[in-house]
């Protein structure tokens, strides 16, 4: 499962530079996470930095239905 950024994103620019895998980029309306690059910061940090730093808590686990 990967992380996703929801439409609650306010484009604050905090998550993109915090990602050690450059998995976060600006999409058409708000930031998005490239699922193939995201590793939940494993090997770099104990927890995903984007979730830790996000002021609106708009980053969640993506669950396939």
PDB file of N, CA and C in Angstrom:
ATOM      1  N   UNK A   1       0.834  -1.175   0.000  1.00  0.00           N
ATOM      2  CA  UNK A   1       0.000   0.000   0.000  1.00  0.00           C
ATOM      3  C   UNK A   1       0.878   1.238   0.000  1.00  0.00           C
ATOM      4  N   UNK A   2       0.430   2.223  -0.732  1.00  0.00           N
ATOM      5  CA  UNK A   2       1.185   3.450  -0.814  1.00  0.00           C
ATOM      6  C   UNK A   2       0.460   4.604  -0.160  1.00  0.00           C
ATOM      7  N   UNK A   3       1.155   5.693  -0.054  1.00  0.00           N
ATOM      8  CA  UNK A   3       0.573   6.901   0.512  1.00  0.00           C
ATOM      9  C   UNK A   3      -0.045   7.732  -0.601  1.00  0.00           C
ATOM     10  N   UNK A   4      -1.117   8.440  -0.278  1.00  0.00           N
ATOM     11  CA  UNK A   4      -1.728   9.363  -1.218  1.00  0.00           C
ATOM     12  C   UNK A   4      -1.946  10.708  -0.540  1.00  0.00           C
ATOM     13  N   UNK A   5      -2.012  11.737  -1.345  1.00  0.00           N
ATOM     14  CA  UNK A   5      -2.333  13.069  -0.861  1.00  0.00           C
ATOM     15  C   UNK A   5      -3.752  13.372  -1.344  1.00  0.00           C
ATOM     16  N   UNK A   6      -4.613  13.713  -0.413  1.00  0.00           N
ATOM     17  CA  UNK A   6      -6.014  13.963  -0.747  1.00  0.00           C
ATOM     18  C   UNK A   6      -6.228  15.407  -1.198  1.00  0.00           C
ATOM     19  N   UNK A   7      -7.436  15.690  -1.632  1.00  0.00           N
ATOM     20  CA  UNK A   7      -7.780  17.034  -2.100  1.00  0.00           C
ATOM     21  C   UNK A   7      -7.787  18.069  -0.974  1.00  0.00           C
ATOM     22  N   UNK A   8      -7.568  17.632   0.255  1.00  0.00           N
ATOM     23  CA  UNK A   8      -7.461  18.564   1.380  1.00  0.00           C
ATOM     24  C   UNK A   8      -6.119  19.305   1.363  1.00  0.00           C
ATOM     25  N   UNK A   9      -5.227  18.927   0.468  1.00  0.00           N
ATOM     26  CA  UNK A   9      -3.907  19.549   0.343  1.00  0.00           C
ATOM     27  C   UNK A   9      -4.053  21.042   0.057  1.00  0.00           C
ATOM     28  N   UNK A  10      -3.283  21.854   0.782  1.00  0.00           N
ATOM     29  CA  UNK A  10      -3.315  23.309   0.598  1.00  0.00           C
ATOM     30  C   UNK A  10      -2.077  23.809  -0.156  1.00  0.00           C
ATOM     31  N   UNK A  11      -1.316  22.901  -0.732  1.00  0.00           N
ATOM     32  CA  UNK A  11      -0.123  23.244  -1.513  1.00  0.00           C
ATOM     33  C   UNK A  11       0.866  24.092  -0.720  1.00  0.00           C
ATOM     34  N   UNK A  12       1.133  23.668   0.487  1.00  0.00           N
ATOM     35  CA  UNK A  12       2.025  24.432   1.367  1.00  0.00           C
ATOM     36  C   UNK A  12       3.504  24.210   1.050  1.00  0.00           C
ATOM     37  N   UNK A  13       3.814  23.225   0.212  1.00  0.00           N
ATOM     38  CA  UNK A  13       5.194  22.943  -0.220  1.00  0.00           C
ATOM     39  C   UNK A  13       6.088  22.356   0.865  1.00  0.00           C
ATOM     40  N   UNK A  14       5.525  21.787   1.903  1.00  0.00           N
ATOM     41  CA  UNK A  14       6.332  21.209   2.980  1.00  0.00           C
ATOM     42  C   UNK A  14       6.750  19.775   2.638  1.00  0.00           C
ATOM     43  N   UNK A  15       5.880  19.015   2.035  1.00  0.00           N
ATOM     44  CA  UNK A  15       6.139  17.586   1.816  1.00  0.00           C
ATOM     45  C   UNK A  15       7.180  17.300   0.732  1.00  0.00           C
ATOM     46  N   UNK A  16       7.138  18.043  -0.345  1.00  0.00           N
ATOM     47  CA  UNK A  16       8.009  17.742  -1.484  1.00  0.00           C
ATOM     48  C   UNK A  16       9.493  17.716  -1.122  1.00  0.00           C
ATOM     49  N   UNK A  17      10.043  18.752  -0.502  1.00  0.00           N
ATOM     50  CA  UNK A  17      11.474  18.703  -0.172  1.00  0.00           C
ATOM     51  C   UNK A  17      11.809  17.712   0.944  1.00  0.00           C
ATOM     52  N   UNK A  18      10.815  17.299   1.718  1.00  0.00           N
ATOM     53  CA  UNK A  18      11.062  16.363   2.820  1.00  0.00           C
ATOM     54  C   UNK A  18      11.180  14.922   2.352  1.00  0.00           C
ATOM     55  N   UNK A  19      10.731  14.634   1.147  1.00  0.00           N
ATOM     56  CA  UNK A  19      10.733  13.251   0.635  1.00  0.00           C
ATOM     57  C   UNK A  19      12.128  12.842   0.166  1.00  0.00           C
ATOM     58  N   UNK A  20      12.722  11.831   0.796  1.00  0.00           N
ATOM     59  CA  UNK A  20      14.073  11.420   0.420  1.00  0.00           C
ATOM     60  C   UNK A  20      14.128  10.668  -0.915  1.00  0.00           C
ATOM     61  N   UNK A  21      12.970  10.263  -1.432  1.00  0.00           N
ATOM     62  CA  UNK A  21      12.928   9.506  -2.677  1.00  0.00           C
ATOM     63  C   UNK A  21      12.419  10.325  -3.861  1.00  0.00           C
ATOM     64  N   UNK A  22      12.229  11.594  -3.680  1.00  0.00           N
ATOM     65  CA  UNK A  22      11.640  12.486  -4.683  1.00  0.00           C
ATOM     66  C   UNK A  22      10.368  11.893  -5.292  1.00  0.00           C
ATOM     67  N   UNK A  23       9.543  11.301  -4.440  1.00  0.00           N
ATOM     68  CA  UNK A  23       8.295  10.673  -4.887  1.00  0.00           C
ATOM     69  C   UNK A  23       7.136  11.666  -4.935  1.00  0.00           C
ATOM     70  N   UNK A  24       7.325  12.856  -4.398  1.00  0.00           N
ATOM     71  CA  UNK A  24       6.246  13.840  -4.337  1.00  0.00           C
ATOM     72  C   UNK A  24       6.491  14.942  -5.355  1.00  0.00           C
ATOM     73  N   UNK A  25       5.445  15.242  -6.123  1.00  0.00           N
ATOM     74  CA  UNK A  25       5.530  16.319  -7.103  1.00  0.00           C
ATOM     75  C   UNK A  25       4.176  17.004  -7.194  1.00  0.00           C
ATOM     76  N   UNK A  26       4.170  18.179  -7.809  1.00  0.00           N
ATOM     77  CA  UNK A  26       2.917  18.908  -7.926  1.00  0.00           C
ATOM     78  C   UNK A  26       2.107  18.336  -9.077  1.00  0.00           C
ATOM     79  N   UNK A  27       0.846  18.007  -8.798  1.00  0.00           N
ATOM     80  CA  UNK A  27      -0.064  17.491  -9.819  1.00  0.00           C
ATOM     81  C   UNK A  27      -0.836  18.640 -10.446  1.00  0.00           C
ATOM     82  N   UNK A  28      -2.004  18.343 -10.994  1.00  0.00           N
ATOM     83  CA  UNK A  28      -2.788  19.382 -11.664  1.00  0.00           C
ATOM     84  C   UNK A  28      -3.395  20.383 -10.686  1.00  0.00           C
ATOM     85  N   UNK A  29      -3.782  19.920  -9.499  1.00  0.00           N
ATOM     86  CA  UNK A  29      -4.400  20.814  -8.516  1.00  0.00           C
ATOM     87  C   UNK A  29      -3.682  20.842  -7.172  1.00  0.00           C
ATOM     88  N   UNK A  30      -3.037  19.758  -6.827  1.00  0.00           N
ATOM     89  CA  UNK A  30      -2.322  19.653  -5.556  1.00  0.00           C
ATOM     90  C   UNK A  30      -1.230  18.601  -5.697  1.00  0.00           C
ATOM     91  N   UNK A  31      -0.442  18.431  -4.665  1.00  0.00           N
ATOM     92  CA  UNK A  31       0.680  17.497  -4.726  1.00  0.00           C
ATOM     93  C   UNK A  31       0.200  16.049  -4.843  1.00  0.00           C
ATOM     94  N   UNK A  32       1.047  15.222  -5.407  1.00  0.00           N
ATOM     95  CA  UNK A  32       0.742  13.797  -5.545  1.00  0.00           C
ATOM     96  C   UNK A  32       1.990  12.983  -5.225  1.00  0.00           C
ATOM     97  N   UNK A  33       1.766  11.704  -4.902  1.00  0.00           N
ATOM     98  CA  UNK A  33       2.876  10.813  -4.550  1.00  0.00           C
ATOM     99  C   UNK A  33       2.983   9.719  -5.602  1.00  0.00           C
ATOM    100  N   UNK A  34       4.163   9.563  -6.167  1.00  0.00           N
ATOM    101  CA  UNK A  34       4.427   8.501  -7.128  1.00  0.00           C
ATOM    102  C   UNK A  34       4.564   7.197  -6.350  1.00  0.00           C
ATOM    103  N   UNK A  35       3.622   6.286  -6.558  1.00  0.00           N
ATOM    104  CA  UNK A  35       3.577   5.041  -5.802  1.00  0.00           C
ATOM    105  C   UNK A  35       4.799   4.151  -6.034  1.00  0.00           C
ATOM    106  N   UNK A  36       5.421   4.244  -7.193  1.00  0.00           N
ATOM    107  CA  UNK A  36       6.585   3.399  -7.462  1.00  0.00           C
ATOM    108  C   UNK A  36       7.843   3.909  -6.768  1.00  0.00           C
ATOM    109  N   UNK A  37       7.869   5.178  -6.424  1.00  0.00           N
ATOM    110  CA  UNK A  37       9.042   5.754  -5.756  1.00  0.00           C
ATOM    111  C   UNK A  37       8.904   5.807  -4.236  1.00  0.00           C
ATOM    112  N   UNK A  38       7.667   5.847  -3.734  1.00  0.00           N
ATOM    113  CA  UNK A  38       7.436   5.989  -2.295  1.00  0.00           C
ATOM    114  C   UNK A  38       7.790   4.705  -1.539  1.00  0.00           C
ATOM    115  N   UNK A  39       8.608   4.858  -0.508  1.00  0.00           N
ATOM    116  CA  UNK A  39       8.999   3.716   0.330  1.00  0.00           C
ATOM    117  C   UNK A  39       8.600   3.927   1.784  1.00  0.00           C
ATOM    118  N   UNK A  40       7.725   4.902   2.031  1.00  0.00           N
ATOM    119  CA  UNK A  40       7.341   5.279   3.402  1.00  0.00           C
ATOM    120  C   UNK A  40       8.570   5.718   4.195  1.00  0.00           C
ATOM    121  N   UNK A  41       9.570   6.202   3.491  1.00  0.00           N
ATOM    122  CA  UNK A  41      10.835   6.692   4.061  1.00  0.00           C
ATOM    123  C   UNK A  41      11.681   5.587   4.703  1.00  0.00           C
ATOM    124  N   UNK A  42      11.376   4.335   4.412  1.00  0.00           N
ATOM    125  CA  UNK A  42      12.168   3.239   4.970  1.00  0.00           C
ATOM    126  C   UNK A  42      13.613   3.373   4.509  1.00  0.00           C
ATOM    127  N   UNK A  43      14.516   3.176   5.436  1.00  0.00           N
ATOM    128  CA  UNK A  43      15.929   3.319   5.146  1.00  0.00           C
ATOM    129  C   UNK A  43      16.450   4.727   5.381  1.00  0.00           C
ATOM    130  N   UNK A  44      15.529   5.664   5.588  1.00  0.00           N
ATOM    131  CA  UNK A  44      15.904   7.051   5.840  1.00  0.00           C
ATOM    132  C   UNK A  44      15.425   7.529   7.207  1.00  0.00           C
ATOM    133  N   UNK A  45      14.127   7.285   7.472  1.00  0.00           N
ATOM    134  CA  UNK A  45      13.498   7.750   8.716  1.00  0.00           C
ATOM    135  C   UNK A  45      12.604   6.656   9.282  1.00  0.00           C
ATOM    136  N   UNK A  46      12.230   6.786  10.541  1.00  0.00           N
ATOM    137  CA  UNK A  46      11.367   5.799  11.187  1.00  0.00           C
ATOM    138  C   UNK A  46       9.914   5.924  10.763  1.00  0.00           C
ATOM    139  N   UNK A  47       9.504   7.101  10.295  1.00  0.00           N
ATOM    140  CA  UNK A  47       8.135   7.302   9.829  1.00  0.00           C
ATOM    141  C   UNK A  47       8.143   8.231   8.624  1.00  0.00           C
ATOM    142  N   UNK A  48       7.117   8.140   7.772  1.00  0.00           N
ATOM    143  CA  UNK A  48       7.068   9.001   6.588  1.00  0.00           C
ATOM    144  C   UNK A  48       7.097  10.479   6.965  1.00  0.00           C
ATOM    145  N   UNK A  49       8.053  11.181   6.411  1.00  0.00           N
ATOM    146  CA  UNK A  49       8.224  12.590   6.736  1.00  0.00           C
ATOM    147  C   UNK A  49       7.075  13.446   6.228  1.00  0.00           C
ATOM    148  N   UNK A  50       6.497  13.065   5.111  1.00  0.00           N
ATOM    149  CA  UNK A  50       5.385  13.855   4.584  1.00  0.00           C
ATOM    150  C   UNK A  50       4.198  13.849   5.546  1.00  0.00           C
ATOM    151  N   UNK A  51       3.917  12.692   6.140  1.00  0.00           N
ATOM    152  CA  UNK A  51       2.822  12.603   7.108  1.00  0.00           C
ATOM    153  C   UNK A  51       3.178  13.404   8.363  1.00  0.00           C
ATOM    154  N   UNK A  52       4.400  13.279   8.800  1.00  0.00           N
ATOM    155  CA  UNK A  52       4.851  13.968  10.013  1.00  0.00           C
ATOM    156  C   UNK A  52       4.765  15.494   9.875  1.00  0.00           C
ATOM    157  N   UNK A  53       5.096  16.017   8.710  1.00  0.00           N
ATOM    158  CA  UNK A  53       5.173  17.455   8.512  1.00  0.00           C
ATOM    159  C   UNK A  53       3.899  18.109   7.978  1.00  0.00           C
ATOM    160  N   UNK A  54       2.986  17.337   7.436  1.00  0.00           N
ATOM    161  CA  UNK A  54       1.788  17.893   6.795  1.00  0.00           C
ATOM    162  C   UNK A  54       0.896  18.634   7.798  1.00  0.00           C
ATOM    163  N   UNK A  55       0.630  19.925   7.557  1.00  0.00           N
ATOM    164  CA  UNK A  55      -0.191  20.689   8.495  1.00  0.00           C
ATOM    165  C   UNK A  55      -1.691  20.402   8.403  1.00  0.00           C
ATOM    166  N   UNK A  56      -2.132  19.770   7.318  1.00  0.00           N
ATOM    167  CA  UNK A  56      -3.569  19.510   7.158  1.00  0.00           C
ATOM    168  C   UNK A  56      -3.930  18.030   7.270  1.00  0.00           C
ATOM    169  N   UNK A  57      -2.965  17.196   7.565  1.00  0.00           N
ATOM    170  CA  UNK A  57      -3.202  15.743   7.674  1.00  0.00           C
ATOM    171  C   UNK A  57      -3.907  15.187   6.439  1.00  0.00           C
ATOM    172  N   UNK A  58      -3.471  15.615   5.265  1.00  0.00           N
ATOM    173  CA  UNK A  58      -4.104  15.172   4.024  1.00  0.00           C
ATOM    174  C   UNK A  58      -3.388  13.989   3.374  1.00  0.00           C
ATOM    175  N   UNK A  59      -2.407  13.424   4.039  1.00  0.00           N
ATOM    176  CA  UNK A  59      -1.666  12.285   3.485  1.00  0.00           C
ATOM    177  C   UNK A  59      -2.073  11.037   4.244  1.00  0.00           C
ATOM    178  N   UNK A  60      -2.573  10.051   3.497  1.00  0.00           N
ATOM    179  CA  UNK A  60      -3.092   8.823   4.107  1.00  0.00           C
ATOM    180  C   UNK A  60      -2.620   7.605   3.325  1.00  0.00           C
ATOM    181  N   UNK A  61      -2.880   6.449   3.890  1.00  0.00           N
ATOM    182  CA  UNK A  61      -2.608   5.186   3.198  1.00  0.00           C
ATOM    183  C   UNK A  61      -3.634   4.977   2.103  1.00  0.00           C
ATOM    184  N   UNK A  62      -3.185   4.603   0.933  1.00  0.00           N
ATOM    185  CA  UNK A  62      -4.086   4.265  -0.164  1.00  0.00           C
ATOM    186  C   UNK A  62      -4.525   2.823  -0.005  1.00  0.00           C
ATOM    187  N   UNK A  63      -5.806   2.594  -0.021  1.00  0.00           N
ATOM    188  CA  UNK A  63      -6.349   1.250   0.143  1.00  0.00           C
ATOM    189  C   UNK A  63      -7.087   0.881  -1.131  1.00  0.00           C
ATOM    190  N   UNK A  64      -6.629  -0.171  -1.819  1.00  0.00           N
ATOM    191  CA  UNK A  64      -7.317  -0.662  -3.013  1.00  0.00           C
ATOM    192  C   UNK A  64      -8.600  -1.354  -2.598  1.00  0.00           C
ATOM    193  N   UNK A  65      -9.644  -1.106  -3.340  1.00  0.00           N
ATOM    194  CA  UNK A  65     -10.937  -1.747  -3.031  1.00  0.00           C
ATOM    195  C   UNK A  65     -11.209  -2.887  -3.979  1.00  0.00           C
TER     196      UNK A  65
END
